[in-house]
Each structure stands twice: as structure tokens, then as C-alpha cells.
């Protein structure tokens, strides 16, 4: 099963994000020239059909541009498509074929699928089917879903394409599709929902995603994983609207796995786009692992941009119940040790718990020594004798200056 790995920890962000494929290399021969000129006078009809029927375009009305009963127009597109032959001899020939294939998908999706299955070979076949299903799903979601569920239920890319496309405009329908297939393939259910959520996020339908999230039918191990659907949604949302994403996260039940997942992902994404905002939000959370993790992620990213401002912010931070854990997380952050190991030592020294302080100092100095920085030993020799002696034992420096 192609998408089995998606559901283990939901580390793959999209069930049907698509594949990149280089177009066929150009080849200069008489057959290629014939492909480039074939049907030139009729290509505008094909282009118009493709553009106007493309899902997600401003003019798409979720209905085929051409009537299915308009057999003359359908036959015209088929004639142009089949006139190209089966060989893709150049990039231009490939583009022309896809243009005509998608025009056919707008009026006769079954015919377009049949062409892709019987006239194209991998990797072109899967790419073509993905594009055709995108058009089909945008025009007739139910029949596109019925086809892919019956014929390609184990193909993550094609199933994901339909769910993603339908999720953009019909989130409830797409969610129903995912639940339907997920009931027969429970270990794949999380990936199916991810595809739908991606479609909703693409269309800016964040509230729809939050509304539907609780109704996801998932195996227990996926619901309680470290990074589940709530985390996926929060992380993606925070890249664009961190404050709104944060407001939603706070509505999740305290102590529940969904809130824990969402806070972790929110902190990671928010720290990238606005570390100061993420740090301030995290500081207001109740003491606990989620607060520590989010503050640490934010401060780590913020320090790379403005270390002086970070120092000022930390100096004003109340030393509450989880301050030691926060200081330890900051002290051993690799990026901070690499850029300012002395600051890492100072934060480790601020830890009140003796054992946690020594553990943190040991990690800092091990990494500092690995940098072959002569200042590391000089700094160590200036530390209080008791701490220096214990550190030497822990990092393996028994003798020395």
C-alpha cells in the first residue's frame, strides 16, 4: 500500500500532493514535427474547453463546459487527441496531448481515463490520470469518486487527488468520501482525511476543517499519536493565520491528545513566521510540557534573528513551576549552542535543580568541544571548582589545565 507510511505518525503532509515529473526530452525528427503541427487549427477549441472547465478556476461552475450529449464536439476532441499517436516525442507533444486530454476530461471523463489507461505508460499514465481526475472531480465529484474508489482505491496519489479537489468546494462531501473508504481501510484513514483537509486549506476553509475534525473515524493509535489531524491542521493554519489558529487550539479540551498535538504543531509553525508572537502566546499558557516546548521553539527561532531582544524577554519571564525545564530546553538547543555557547552555559546555570543543571551543562560542553572551539576549555576552567570537576568527569576530560 503506497500510503501506509502516512498514517504511522502523519509526517507526510499531503495524501495526494502530486508528483513532479520532467517533461519528455525534445527529439528532432520528422515524427516530432508532425506532432507539433497536427490539429493546429482546432487547438483553440481544446484550449478553451480545458481552461474553462479546469477545477478551481474563476469561471468553473462545477459543470462540464460541453454537454455530454454534444457528441460532435466530443468526437472532435477525441479525433484531435488520438491523432497525436501514442509516442510522446517532445515536450511540446506532451503539452499538446495533455491539453487535449483535459479538454476531453471536461466532457467525457470516462473516455479520458480510458485513453490514459490504454495509450500512456508510466510515469506519464499516472500523471495524466491525476490531472484527468482533478478535472472530473471538479465537475462531477460523485462519479469521479465512484471510479477511483472502484478502480484505484489503493493508489494514494489518485485517491488523494479526488479528495483534495472535492475538499476545495464540497468539504462535507469530501469528508464523507474519506470516511466511507476509511471504514474499509482503517489504517489508511488518516491519510484520506489529510487529503481532504489539504483541499479545504487550499481554499481557505479553515473553519470547515475545524468543524469536521471531530467526526473523523480513526484507529485509536492514530487518534492518540504525537502528531495527528489536529496537529496537522494547526501547523498548516499557523503558517498563514497564527493568531486564528491559536484561538482555535485554545478551544480544544484541556489535557486531551488533540490539544497536545495542536499546541506542538502550532508552536513549530508559528515560530517560523513570527517567533516573538509565538513566545508571547506560549508564555501565557498554563505550566506544562506543551508550554515549555512551544516557548523553546519560539525562542530558538527568535534568537537567530535578535539575540539581544530574546535576552531581554527571558529576563522578564517569571520563574514559575516549569522554568527549569524551559531553561534546560533553551540551553541545549543546538542552534543556540552553535551560535552562542556562552549564552547556552548561562541559561544552564540558571537552572535551580542541581542534576538537571549538570545534565544541561554536560550537553552544552560536549557540543561546544565538538566544534573544536578553544574557548570551550578556557570557559570551563573559569567555572566554579565543584561544577568544573563534575563537568570534567561527565564530558570525559579528567586531566587538563
Protein backbone atom coordinates (compact mmCIF):
# COMPACT_ATOMS: atom_id res chain seq x y z
CA UNK A 1 0.00 0.00 0.00
CA UNK A 2 1.57 3.27 -1.10
CA UNK A 3 0.20 5.42 1.70
CA UNK A 4 0.65 3.10 4.67
CA UNK A 5 3.56 5.17 5.99
CA UNK A 6 1.47 8.33 6.07
CA UNK A 7 -0.64 7.10 8.93
CA UNK A 8 2.13 5.95 11.24
CA UNK A 9 2.87 9.46 12.55
CA UNK A 10 1.23 11.65 9.93
CA UNK A 11 4.58 13.06 8.97
CA UNK A 12 3.63 13.26 5.32
CA UNK A 13 1.62 16.43 4.96
CA UNK A 14 -0.45 15.56 1.99
CA UNK A 15 -2.05 12.30 0.96
CA UNK A 16 -2.33 13.38 -2.67
CA UNK A 17 0.03 16.29 -3.16
CA UNK A 18 1.10 15.01 -6.58
CA UNK A 19 4.41 14.10 -8.17
CA UNK A 20 6.88 16.26 -10.03
CA UNK A 21 7.78 14.91 -13.43
CA UNK A 22 10.15 16.30 -16.01
CA UNK A 23 8.62 16.55 -19.49
CA UNK A 24 9.99 14.24 -22.17
CA UNK A 25 13.21 15.41 -23.77
CA UNK A 26 12.88 17.03 -27.16
CA UNK A 27 13.84 14.89 -30.13
CA UNK A 28 14.36 16.38 -33.57
CA UNK A 29 12.82 14.05 -36.15
CA UNK A 30 10.08 14.09 -38.76
CA UNK A 31 7.59 12.38 -36.44
CA UNK A 32 8.12 15.09 -33.84
CA UNK A 33 7.50 17.80 -36.45
CA UNK A 34 4.27 16.13 -37.46
CA UNK A 35 3.10 16.05 -33.84
CA UNK A 36 3.81 19.72 -33.40
CA UNK A 37 1.69 20.74 -36.38
CA UNK A 38 -1.16 18.21 -36.14
CA UNK A 39 -4.57 19.72 -35.49
CA UNK A 40 -3.22 23.27 -35.09
CA UNK A 41 -6.38 24.89 -36.42
CA UNK A 42 -8.59 23.16 -33.86
CA UNK A 43 -6.41 23.62 -30.79
CA UNK A 44 -8.14 26.83 -29.70
CA UNK A 45 -11.34 24.85 -29.13
CA UNK A 46 -9.43 22.40 -26.99
CA UNK A 47 -7.66 25.12 -25.04
CA UNK A 48 -10.88 26.95 -24.28
CA UNK A 49 -12.55 23.77 -23.07
CA UNK A 50 -9.64 22.94 -20.81
CA UNK A 51 -9.28 26.41 -19.33
CA UNK A 52 -12.95 26.94 -18.68
CA UNK A 53 -13.51 23.52 -17.21
CA UNK A 54 -10.43 23.47 -15.00
CA UNK A 55 -11.40 22.97 -11.34
CA UNK A 56 -10.71 25.94 -9.12
CA UNK A 57 -10.64 28.49 -11.95
CA UNK A 58 -12.80 31.61 -11.51
CA UNK A 59 -15.09 30.59 -14.34
CA UNK A 60 -15.55 26.97 -13.32
CA UNK A 61 -19.14 26.24 -12.38
CA UNK A 62 -18.55 22.62 -11.37
CA UNK A 63 -20.30 21.54 -14.53
CA UNK A 64 -18.85 20.41 -17.87
CA UNK A 65 -18.41 23.21 -20.39
CA UNK A 66 -19.72 20.97 -23.14
CA UNK A 67 -22.86 18.90 -22.88
CA UNK A 68 -22.27 15.17 -22.67
CA UNK A 69 -24.83 14.88 -25.43
CA UNK A 70 -22.79 17.08 -27.73
CA UNK A 71 -21.25 14.07 -29.43
CA UNK A 72 -19.92 16.05 -32.39
CA UNK A 73 -17.76 18.22 -30.15
CA UNK A 74 -16.66 15.24 -28.09
CA UNK A 75 -15.79 13.33 -31.23
CA UNK A 76 -13.81 16.33 -32.48
CA UNK A 77 -11.69 16.40 -29.32
CA UNK A 78 -11.18 12.64 -29.47
CA UNK A 79 -10.11 12.89 -33.08
CA UNK A 80 -7.52 15.53 -32.20
CA UNK A 81 -6.30 13.51 -29.23
CA UNK A 82 -6.00 10.17 -30.99
CA UNK A 83 -4.44 11.91 -33.97
CA UNK A 84 -1.35 12.55 -31.88
CA UNK A 85 -0.49 8.87 -31.69
CA UNK A 86 0.95 7.13 -28.65
CA UNK A 87 4.54 8.36 -28.71
CA UNK A 88 5.50 11.48 -26.73
CA UNK A 89 8.46 12.63 -28.77
CA UNK A 90 8.92 16.11 -27.29
CA UNK A 91 7.87 18.45 -24.55
CA UNK A 92 5.57 20.25 -26.96
CA UNK A 93 3.92 16.99 -27.95
CA UNK A 94 3.37 16.13 -24.29
CA UNK A 95 1.83 19.54 -23.57
CA UNK A 96 -0.44 19.25 -26.59
CA UNK A 97 -1.58 15.79 -25.55
CA UNK A 98 -2.35 16.92 -22.00
CA UNK A 99 -4.25 19.93 -23.30
CA UNK A 100 -6.48 17.75 -25.44
CA UNK A 101 -6.81 15.05 -22.81
CA UNK A 102 -8.06 17.54 -20.23
CA UNK A 103 -10.50 19.01 -22.73
CA UNK A 104 -11.87 15.51 -23.22
CA UNK A 105 -12.00 15.01 -19.43
CA UNK A 106 -14.31 18.02 -19.21
CA UNK A 107 -16.94 16.42 -21.45
CA UNK A 108 -16.19 12.69 -21.37
CA UNK A 109 -14.11 11.80 -18.30
CA UNK A 110 -14.56 8.06 -18.83
CA UNK A 111 -13.15 8.46 -22.34
CA UNK A 112 -10.22 10.48 -20.99
CA UNK A 113 -9.47 7.85 -18.34
CA UNK A 114 -9.72 5.09 -20.93
CA UNK A 115 -7.22 6.88 -23.14
CA UNK A 116 -4.75 7.35 -20.28
CA UNK A 117 -5.02 3.72 -19.19
CA UNK A 118 -4.65 2.18 -22.66
CA UNK A 119 -2.40 4.64 -24.51
CA UNK A 120 0.03 6.00 -21.91
CA UNK A 121 2.79 4.29 -19.97
CA UNK A 122 4.29 5.16 -16.57
CA UNK A 123 5.15 7.72 -15.42
CA UNK A 124 3.00 9.63 -17.92
CA UNK A 125 -0.02 7.47 -17.24
CA UNK A 126 -0.24 8.29 -13.54
CA UNK A 127 0.37 11.98 -14.13
CA UNK A 128 -2.32 12.05 -16.81
CA UNK A 129 -4.80 10.18 -14.61
CA UNK A 130 -4.12 12.61 -11.79
CA UNK A 131 -4.90 15.60 -14.00
CA UNK A 132 -7.96 13.96 -15.53
CA UNK A 133 -9.34 13.04 -12.12
CA UNK A 134 -8.79 16.60 -10.95
CA UNK A 135 -10.98 17.91 -13.77
CA UNK A 136 -13.51 15.13 -13.29
CA UNK A 137 -13.78 15.66 -9.53
CA UNK A 138 -14.31 19.37 -10.02
CA UNK A 139 -17.16 18.77 -12.44
CA UNK A 140 -18.82 15.64 -11.02
CA UNK A 141 -17.48 14.70 -7.62
CA UNK A 142 -19.62 11.62 -7.09
CA UNK A 143 -18.84 9.86 -10.36
CA UNK A 144 -15.12 10.68 -10.06
CA UNK A 145 -15.11 9.25 -6.57
CA UNK A 146 -17.02 6.15 -7.62
CA UNK A 147 -14.47 5.48 -10.36
CA UNK A 148 -11.36 5.93 -8.25
CA UNK A 149 -12.81 4.01 -5.29
CA UNK A 150 -13.73 1.08 -7.53
CA UNK A 151 -10.62 1.01 -9.70
CA UNK A 152 -7.76 2.67 -7.78
CA UNK A 153 -8.62 2.54 -4.08
CA UNK A 154 -5.06 1.51 -3.21
CA UNK A 155 -3.43 4.33 -5.20
CA UNK A 156 -2.77 7.15 -2.74
CA UNK A 157 -2.00 9.73 -5.41
CA UNK A 158 -5.21 9.24 -7.39
CA UNK A 159 -7.49 8.84 -4.39
CA UNK A 160 -5.86 11.87 -2.78
CA UNK A 161 -6.33 13.94 -5.94
CA UNK A 162 -10.09 13.42 -5.91
CA UNK A 163 -10.42 14.05 -2.17
CA UNK A 164 -8.27 17.16 -2.39
CA UNK A 165 -10.21 18.61 -5.31
CA UNK A 166 -13.62 17.91 -3.80
CA UNK A 167 -12.46 19.28 -0.46
CA UNK A 168 -11.90 22.70 -2.01
CA UNK A 169 -15.56 23.27 -2.84
CA UNK A 170 -17.54 20.50 -1.13
CA UNK A 171 -15.84 19.81 2.20
CA UNK A 172 -18.69 17.80 3.71
CA UNK A 173 -18.92 15.59 0.64
CA UNK A 174 -15.16 15.01 0.59
CA UNK A 175 -15.21 14.19 4.31
CA UNK A 176 -17.97 11.67 3.69
CA UNK A 177 -15.92 10.09 0.91
CA UNK A 178 -12.88 9.79 3.19
CA UNK A 179 -14.94 8.27 5.98
CA UNK A 180 -16.53 5.83 3.54
CA UNK A 181 -13.24 4.48 2.20
CA UNK A 182 -11.53 4.74 5.56
CA UNK A 183 -14.10 2.39 7.08
CA UNK A 184 -12.81 -0.37 4.79
CA UNK A 185 -9.15 0.69 5.05
CA UNK A 186 -8.82 1.93 8.67
CA UNK A 187 -5.03 2.15 8.66
CA UNK A 188 -5.24 4.47 5.66
CA UNK A 189 -8.00 6.67 7.11
CA UNK A 190 -5.73 9.41 8.46
CA UNK A 191 -4.12 9.91 5.07
CA UNK A 192 -7.53 10.17 3.43
CA UNK A 193 -8.61 12.90 5.82
CA UNK A 194 -5.31 14.74 5.32
CA UNK A 195 -6.07 14.97 1.60
CA UNK A 196 -9.47 16.49 2.32
CA UNK A 197 -8.01 18.95 4.83
CA UNK A 198 -5.39 20.00 2.29
CA UNK A 199 -8.15 20.82 -0.18
CA UNK A 200 -10.04 22.84 2.41
CA UNK A 201 -6.92 24.73 3.45
CA UNK A 202 -6.08 25.48 -0.17
CA UNK A 203 -9.48 27.17 -0.47
CA UNK A 204 -9.09 28.95 2.88
CA UNK A 205 -11.84 26.89 4.51
CA UNK A 206 -10.20 26.63 7.93
CA UNK A 207 -13.46 26.77 9.86
CA UNK A 208 -14.87 23.91 7.80
CA UNK A 209 -11.82 21.86 8.71
CA UNK A 210 -12.22 22.56 12.44
CA UNK A 211 -15.93 21.77 12.23
CA UNK A 212 -15.38 18.38 10.62
CA UNK A 213 -12.30 17.32 12.54
CA UNK A 214 -14.11 15.71 15.47
CA UNK A 215 -16.13 13.46 13.16
CA UNK A 216 -13.05 11.74 11.73
CA UNK A 217 -13.21 7.98 12.24
CA UNK A 218 -9.68 6.86 13.08
CA UNK A 219 -7.97 3.91 14.77
CA UNK A 220 -7.04 4.59 18.39
CA UNK A 221 -3.29 4.55 17.75
CA UNK A 222 -3.66 7.32 15.16
CA UNK A 223 -6.00 9.45 17.28
CA UNK A 224 -3.51 9.42 20.15
CA UNK A 225 -0.30 9.74 18.15
CA UNK A 226 2.06 12.62 18.79
CA UNK A 227 1.11 14.34 15.58
CA UNK A 228 -2.44 13.65 14.46
CA UNK A 229 -5.05 15.51 12.44
CA UNK A 230 -5.38 18.32 14.98
CA UNK A 231 -1.64 18.87 14.82
CA UNK A 232 -1.65 18.79 11.04
CA UNK A 233 -4.42 21.39 10.83
CA UNK A 234 -2.90 23.68 13.47
CA UNK A 235 0.55 23.55 11.89
CA UNK A 236 -0.70 24.33 8.40
CA UNK A 237 -3.07 27.06 9.56
CA UNK A 238 -0.41 28.77 11.68
CA UNK A 239 1.73 29.37 8.61
CA UNK A 240 -0.86 31.86 7.36
CA UNK A 241 -3.08 32.89 10.27
CA UNK A 242 -1.25 32.02 13.51
CA UNK A 243 -3.47 34.05 15.82
CA UNK A 244 -6.67 32.49 14.48
CA UNK A 245 -5.09 29.05 14.62
CA UNK A 246 -4.06 29.70 18.22
CA UNK A 247 -7.57 30.81 19.14
CA UNK A 248 -8.92 27.54 17.78
CA UNK A 249 -6.33 25.46 19.61
CA UNK A 250 -7.43 27.02 22.90
CA UNK A 251 -10.97 25.74 22.31
CA UNK A 252 -9.76 22.13 22.31
CA UNK A 253 -10.31 20.17 25.55
CA UNK A 254 -7.51 20.68 28.05
CA UNK A 255 -5.46 17.59 28.67
CA UNK A 256 -6.70 15.88 25.52
CA UNK A 257 -4.47 14.45 22.81
CA UNK A 258 -5.90 16.80 20.17
CA UNK A 259 -4.88 19.90 22.15
CA UNK A 260 -1.46 18.43 22.86
CA UNK A 261 -0.92 17.66 19.16
CA UNK A 262 -2.19 21.05 18.07
CA UNK A 263 -0.04 23.04 20.51
CA UNK A 264 3.11 21.23 19.43
CA UNK A 265 2.47 21.84 15.74
CA UNK A 266 1.27 25.40 16.34
CA UNK A 267 4.49 26.23 18.14
CA UNK A 268 6.71 24.83 15.40
CA UNK A 269 4.95 26.66 12.57
CA UNK A 270 4.35 29.92 14.40
CA UNK A 271 7.99 30.10 15.47
CA UNK A 272 8.99 30.20 11.81
CA UNK A 273 6.70 33.07 10.77
CA UNK A 274 6.59 35.11 14.00
CA UNK A 275 8.78 33.80 16.83
CA UNK A 276 8.10 36.74 19.13
CA UNK A 277 4.35 36.29 18.79
CA UNK A 278 4.69 32.56 19.40
CA UNK A 279 6.82 33.15 22.50
CA UNK A 280 4.35 35.64 23.97
CA UNK A 281 1.43 33.27 23.33
CA UNK A 282 3.27 30.33 24.88
CA UNK A 283 4.21 32.34 27.96
CA UNK A 284 0.51 32.76 28.77
CA UNK A 285 -0.21 29.03 28.68
CA UNK A 286 -0.52 27.04 31.91
CA UNK A 287 2.77 25.48 33.12
CA UNK A 288 3.47 22.15 31.46
CA UNK A 289 5.35 20.34 28.70
CA UNK A 290 3.37 21.99 25.89
CA UNK A 291 4.20 25.47 27.19
CA UNK A 292 7.88 24.60 27.56
CA UNK A 293 8.08 23.06 24.10
CA UNK A 294 6.36 25.99 22.43
CA UNK A 295 8.44 28.64 24.23
CA UNK A 296 11.63 26.76 23.44
CA UNK A 297 10.78 26.50 19.73
CA UNK A 298 9.92 30.19 19.58
CA UNK A 299 12.99 31.38 21.47
CA UNK A 300 15.28 29.17 19.41
CA UNK A 301 13.99 30.74 16.17
CA UNK A 302 13.84 34.23 17.66
CA UNK A 303 17.41 34.06 18.97
CA UNK A 304 18.70 33.55 15.43
CA UNK A 305 17.11 36.89 14.45
CA UNK A 306 17.55 39.07 17.54
CA UNK A 307 19.51 37.57 20.46
CA UNK A 308 19.52 40.80 22.49
CA UNK A 309 15.75 41.06 22.38
CA UNK A 310 15.49 37.42 23.42
CA UNK A 311 17.75 38.06 26.42
CA UNK A 312 15.54 40.96 27.47
CA UNK A 313 12.39 38.88 27.06
CA UNK A 314 13.73 35.96 29.07
CA UNK A 315 14.95 38.27 31.86
CA UNK A 316 11.35 39.44 32.31
CA UNK A 317 9.89 35.93 32.27
CA UNK A 318 8.54 34.85 35.67
CA UNK A 319 10.42 31.86 37.06
CA UNK A 320 7.40 29.62 37.53
CA UNK A 321 6.96 25.90 38.04
CA UNK A 322 8.32 24.93 34.63
CA UNK A 323 11.12 27.49 34.36
CA UNK A 324 13.85 24.88 34.91
CA UNK A 325 12.52 22.76 32.04
CA UNK A 326 12.33 25.83 29.80
CA UNK A 327 15.87 26.94 30.68
CA UNK A 328 17.14 23.42 30.02
CA UNK A 329 15.41 23.28 26.64
CA UNK A 330 16.93 26.61 25.61
CA UNK A 331 20.37 25.75 26.97
CA UNK A 332 20.70 22.59 24.87
CA UNK A 333 19.15 23.98 21.68
CA UNK A 334 21.79 23.07 19.03
CA UNK A 335 21.32 26.26 17.01
CA UNK A 336 21.96 28.43 20.06
CA UNK A 337 24.96 26.40 21.20
CA UNK A 338 26.47 26.70 17.73
CA UNK A 339 25.99 30.45 17.55
CA UNK A 340 26.50 31.49 21.19
CA UNK A 341 27.65 28.66 23.50
CA UNK A 342 28.37 31.08 26.34
CA UNK A 343 24.69 32.09 26.36
CA UNK A 344 23.78 28.39 26.49
CA UNK A 345 26.02 27.93 29.54
CA UNK A 346 24.45 30.94 31.26
CA UNK A 347 20.94 29.57 30.71
CA UNK A 348 22.00 26.18 32.01
CA UNK A 349 23.47 27.82 35.10
CA UNK A 350 20.08 29.47 35.74
CA UNK A 351 18.52 26.04 36.37
CA UNK A 352 17.80 25.55 40.07
CA UNK A 353 17.66 21.74 40.04
CA UNK A 354 21.24 20.51 40.55
CA UNK A 355 21.03 17.34 38.45
CA UNK A 356 19.15 18.97 35.58
CA UNK A 357 21.70 21.80 35.62
CA UNK A 358 24.61 19.37 35.33
CA UNK A 359 22.89 17.36 32.59
CA UNK A 360 22.31 20.52 30.58
CA UNK A 361 25.84 21.85 31.11
CA UNK A 362 27.26 18.49 30.01
CA UNK A 363 25.27 18.57 26.76
CA UNK A 364 26.35 22.14 26.07
CA UNK A 365 30.05 21.46 26.60
CA UNK A 366 30.02 18.19 24.64
CA UNK A 367 28.65 20.04 21.62
CA UNK A 368 30.92 23.01 22.22
CA UNK A 369 34.02 20.79 22.31
CA UNK A 370 32.88 19.10 19.09
CA UNK A 371 33.19 22.48 17.40
CA UNK A 372 36.92 22.40 18.22
CA UNK A 373 36.50 25.85 19.77
CA UNK A 374 39.47 26.69 22.02
CA UNK A 375 37.21 29.00 24.03
CA UNK A 376 35.33 25.97 25.37
CA UNK A 377 38.21 24.80 27.58
CA UNK A 378 39.03 28.35 28.63
CA UNK A 379 35.43 28.89 29.70
CA UNK A 380 35.34 25.57 31.55
CA UNK A 381 38.42 26.42 33.63
CA UNK A 382 36.73 29.63 34.84
CA UNK A 383 33.66 27.86 36.24
CA UNK A 384 33.20 27.17 39.98
CA UNK A 385 35.53 24.33 41.09
CA UNK A 386 32.78 21.91 42.12
CA UNK A 387 30.87 22.34 38.84
CA UNK A 388 34.10 22.24 36.81
CA UNK A 389 35.19 18.99 38.44
CA UNK A 390 31.86 17.28 37.85
CA UNK A 391 31.72 18.52 34.26
CA UNK A 392 35.19 17.15 33.52
CA UNK A 393 34.03 13.71 34.65
CA UNK A 394 30.83 13.85 32.63
CA UNK A 395 32.39 15.03 29.39
CA UNK A 396 35.48 12.83 29.70
CA UNK A 397 38.14 15.40 30.49
CA UNK A 398 39.81 14.08 33.66
CA UNK A 399 43.16 15.81 33.28
CA UNK A 400 43.98 19.19 31.87
CA UNK A 401 44.55 22.81 32.71
